[in-house]
Structure formats: C-alpha cells, structure tokens
Amino acid sequence: MLFGNRQRTPTFVKLLKSKLHRARVRDTKLHYPGSMAVDSDLMEAAGLLPYESVLVADLNNGNRLETYVVPAEAGSGEVTMLGAAARLIDPKDIVIILSFGFFMPE
C-alpha cells in the first residue's frame, strides 16, 4: 500500500462479520463449562461458525460479554447462555450477537 510518498505494511481492520439482532434468550445453565448455545439454523443464516468468538449485548440490562457459540438443535430456536454468562443474561432477555473479522481495508 502506498501512503503519500512512502510505502507501509498493509494493516487489517476489525469489521462486523455476522450479527443476530434481537434474539430472545430461552434458558440459562450456570453449571456448564461456558459458551452460548444457538440454533444451528440461526447460526448458518447469520454466518456464525461453531466455536466462533462472539460479543453478546443484552438489550434488557446493558451487559456485554464475550463468549463463543456452540450449535444447538436445528429448528429449535434455542438461544441459551451457558456457564458464567448465565449470571449476566437472564431468560427472556433480548440480545444482539455479534462476530467480527479482520479484513484488508479494500
């Protein structure tokens, strides 16, 4: 890449890759190793991969947390907070699930 009269090493930019907007949490399971279970159909529709890191924003209480998604049964509509995240997000809360990727500016 050329910047002015000097060449710089290309840098990556962190951009939003996938988003599930206003998903309703159905359940929480505190005694679980961690993560977030999401209906595999919803994951596919949003472009989320199994075990992908996600940022979860809770619209009910403002909490934000980082975890990873694991696929739940297709067609179940399941969104379940697992492990420590179950202390920050309650059943029936509305959440936004975001994943990011690193891309070249072009």
Protein backbone atom coordinates (compact mmCIF):
# COMPACT_ATOMS: atom_id res chain seq x y z
CA MET A 1 0.00 0.00 0.00
CA LEU A 2 1.22 3.46 -0.80
CA PHE A 3 0.59 6.35 1.61
CA GLY A 4 1.88 9.66 0.30
CA ASN A 5 5.45 9.05 -0.81
CA ARG A 6 6.13 6.13 1.49
CA GLN A 7 5.10 2.52 1.48
CA ARG A 8 3.55 0.96 4.58
CA THR A 9 2.88 -2.57 5.63
CA PRO A 10 -0.78 -3.48 4.99
CA THR A 11 -2.90 -3.49 8.13
CA PHE A 12 -6.06 -5.34 8.90
CA VAL A 13 -9.23 -3.63 10.05
CA LYS A 14 -11.63 -5.25 12.53
CA LEU A 15 -15.12 -5.17 10.99
CA LEU A 16 -18.51 -6.64 11.83
CA LYS A 17 -18.80 -10.03 10.10
CA SER A 18 -22.06 -11.52 11.44
CA LYS A 19 -25.00 -10.33 13.52
CA LEU A 20 -28.08 -11.89 15.05
CA HIS A 21 -30.27 -8.95 16.04
CA ARG A 22 -32.81 -9.16 18.87
CA ALA A 23 -32.57 -12.87 19.68
CA ARG A 24 -34.58 -13.90 22.76
CA VAL A 25 -32.70 -15.96 25.34
CA ARG A 26 -34.74 -19.05 26.18
CA ASP A 27 -32.72 -20.51 29.03
CA THR A 28 -29.58 -20.25 31.15
CA LYS A 29 -27.46 -23.09 32.50
CA LEU A 30 -24.94 -21.94 35.07
CA HIS A 31 -23.22 -25.30 35.69
CA TYR A 32 -21.78 -25.73 32.21
CA PRO A 33 -18.18 -25.18 31.02
CA GLY A 34 -19.14 -21.96 29.22
CA SER A 35 -20.31 -20.56 25.89
CA MET A 36 -23.67 -19.90 24.30
CA ALA A 37 -25.88 -22.45 22.52
CA VAL A 38 -27.61 -21.12 19.39
CA ASP A 39 -29.97 -22.91 16.98
CA SER A 40 -27.70 -24.13 14.16
CA ASP A 41 -30.17 -22.81 11.55
CA LEU A 42 -29.85 -19.32 13.06
CA MET A 43 -26.07 -19.68 13.13
CA GLU A 44 -25.99 -20.63 9.46
CA ALA A 45 -28.33 -17.78 8.48
CA ALA A 46 -26.11 -15.27 10.28
CA GLY A 47 -22.83 -16.76 9.07
CA LEU A 48 -21.67 -17.83 12.54
CA LEU A 49 -19.33 -20.80 12.78
CA PRO A 50 -19.30 -23.37 15.61
CA TYR A 51 -16.98 -22.21 18.42
CA GLU A 52 -16.64 -18.74 16.89
CA SER A 53 -15.97 -15.92 19.33
CA VAL A 54 -18.92 -13.55 19.76
CA LEU A 55 -19.79 -10.36 21.60
CA VAL A 56 -23.22 -10.50 23.21
CA ALA A 57 -25.08 -7.28 24.08
CA ASP A 58 -28.11 -7.58 26.37
CA LEU A 59 -30.77 -5.01 25.50
CA ASN A 60 -32.59 -5.53 28.81
CA ASN A 61 -29.77 -4.67 31.21
CA GLY A 62 -26.92 -3.29 29.09
CA ASN A 63 -24.50 -6.10 29.92
CA ARG A 64 -21.94 -7.04 27.28
CA LEU A 65 -19.82 -10.15 27.32
CA GLU A 66 -17.55 -12.16 25.09
CA THR A 67 -18.01 -15.91 24.70
CA TYR A 68 -18.26 -18.43 21.87
CA VAL A 69 -21.20 -20.12 20.17
CA VAL A 70 -21.94 -23.83 20.07
CA PRO A 71 -24.60 -25.24 17.75
CA ALA A 72 -27.95 -26.23 19.24
CA GLU A 73 -30.57 -28.39 17.52
CA ALA A 74 -31.62 -27.04 14.11
CA GLY A 75 -35.09 -25.50 14.11
CA SER A 76 -35.27 -25.34 17.91
CA GLY A 77 -34.99 -21.56 18.12
CA GLU A 78 -32.69 -22.14 21.09
CA VAL A 79 -30.54 -19.35 22.48
CA THR A 80 -29.13 -20.49 25.83
CA MET A 81 -26.50 -18.79 27.96
CA LEU A 82 -24.09 -21.34 29.41
CA GLY A 83 -21.63 -21.08 32.29
CA ALA A 84 -20.64 -17.73 33.81
CA ALA A 85 -22.59 -15.80 31.14
CA ALA A 86 -25.76 -17.13 32.79
CA ARG A 87 -25.11 -14.70 35.67
CA LEU A 88 -25.18 -11.69 33.32
CA ILE A 89 -28.06 -12.51 30.97
CA ASP A 90 -31.46 -13.83 32.04
CA PRO A 91 -34.07 -15.95 30.28
CA LYS A 92 -36.40 -13.82 28.12
CA ASP A 93 -33.75 -11.09 27.69
CA ILE A 94 -33.29 -9.78 24.16
CA VAL A 95 -29.68 -9.91 22.91
CA ILE A 96 -27.62 -8.93 19.91
CA ILE A 97 -24.96 -11.50 18.95
CA LEU A 98 -22.03 -10.02 17.02
CA SER A 99 -18.94 -11.56 15.47
CA PHE A 100 -16.04 -9.69 13.95
CA GLY A 101 -13.37 -10.47 11.40
CA PHE A 102 -10.09 -8.93 10.36
CA PHE A 103 -10.06 -7.68 6.78
CA MET A 104 -7.86 -5.64 4.46
CA PRO A 105 -9.22 -2.08 4.08
CA GLU A 106 -10.05 -2.72 0.43
